[in-house]
């Protein structure tokens, strides 16, 4: 299996993002509400609108910040409408442990480019992939999901399951493309 790796810069510093945009090894960008808070950004929408003016030829992911699924949906639509290259990061669950599988499926079916974040298990991957496969952005959404960060959970770094999870994602994506 030939997996192509793309590097996405993660941050919320406008100057840093613009500098990295000139680096040919950077394929796109991602940020989240926590990084924006640390960077002192108080108006998320204004920041996102501003960055999209400069980043026009690479994907950029902005994450919803609500914990309520209906608000997540509303925010996702607002973020999607910022530009053709905008991806919407949806966590696989909210802080209450409620899984967002149905929301991911709905957004994907409406053509939202979904970047599923905080996937930690193979079971989560197996639940997410079919929802992405039904959407208009099926191929690209599923592929971007493979780039989602899997949080370290051992003192040595990423858990050994990381490679297995990525292999399952790759297999699921491949199966979706087989006639």
Foldseek 3Di string as FASTA:
>chain_A
DDADDAAEAEAQDLVVVLVCLPPVRHQYYEYEPVRCVVVVNDDLLVSLLVSCVRPPPHAYEYEQDDQDLVSRLVVLVSQQVSHPRYAYEDEQHGPVRHGCLVVLLVCQQVVHQYAYEADADLVSLVSNLVSLLNGPCNLRSLSNNLVHDHFCDDPVGRDPCNVVSSVSSVVSSVVSPDD
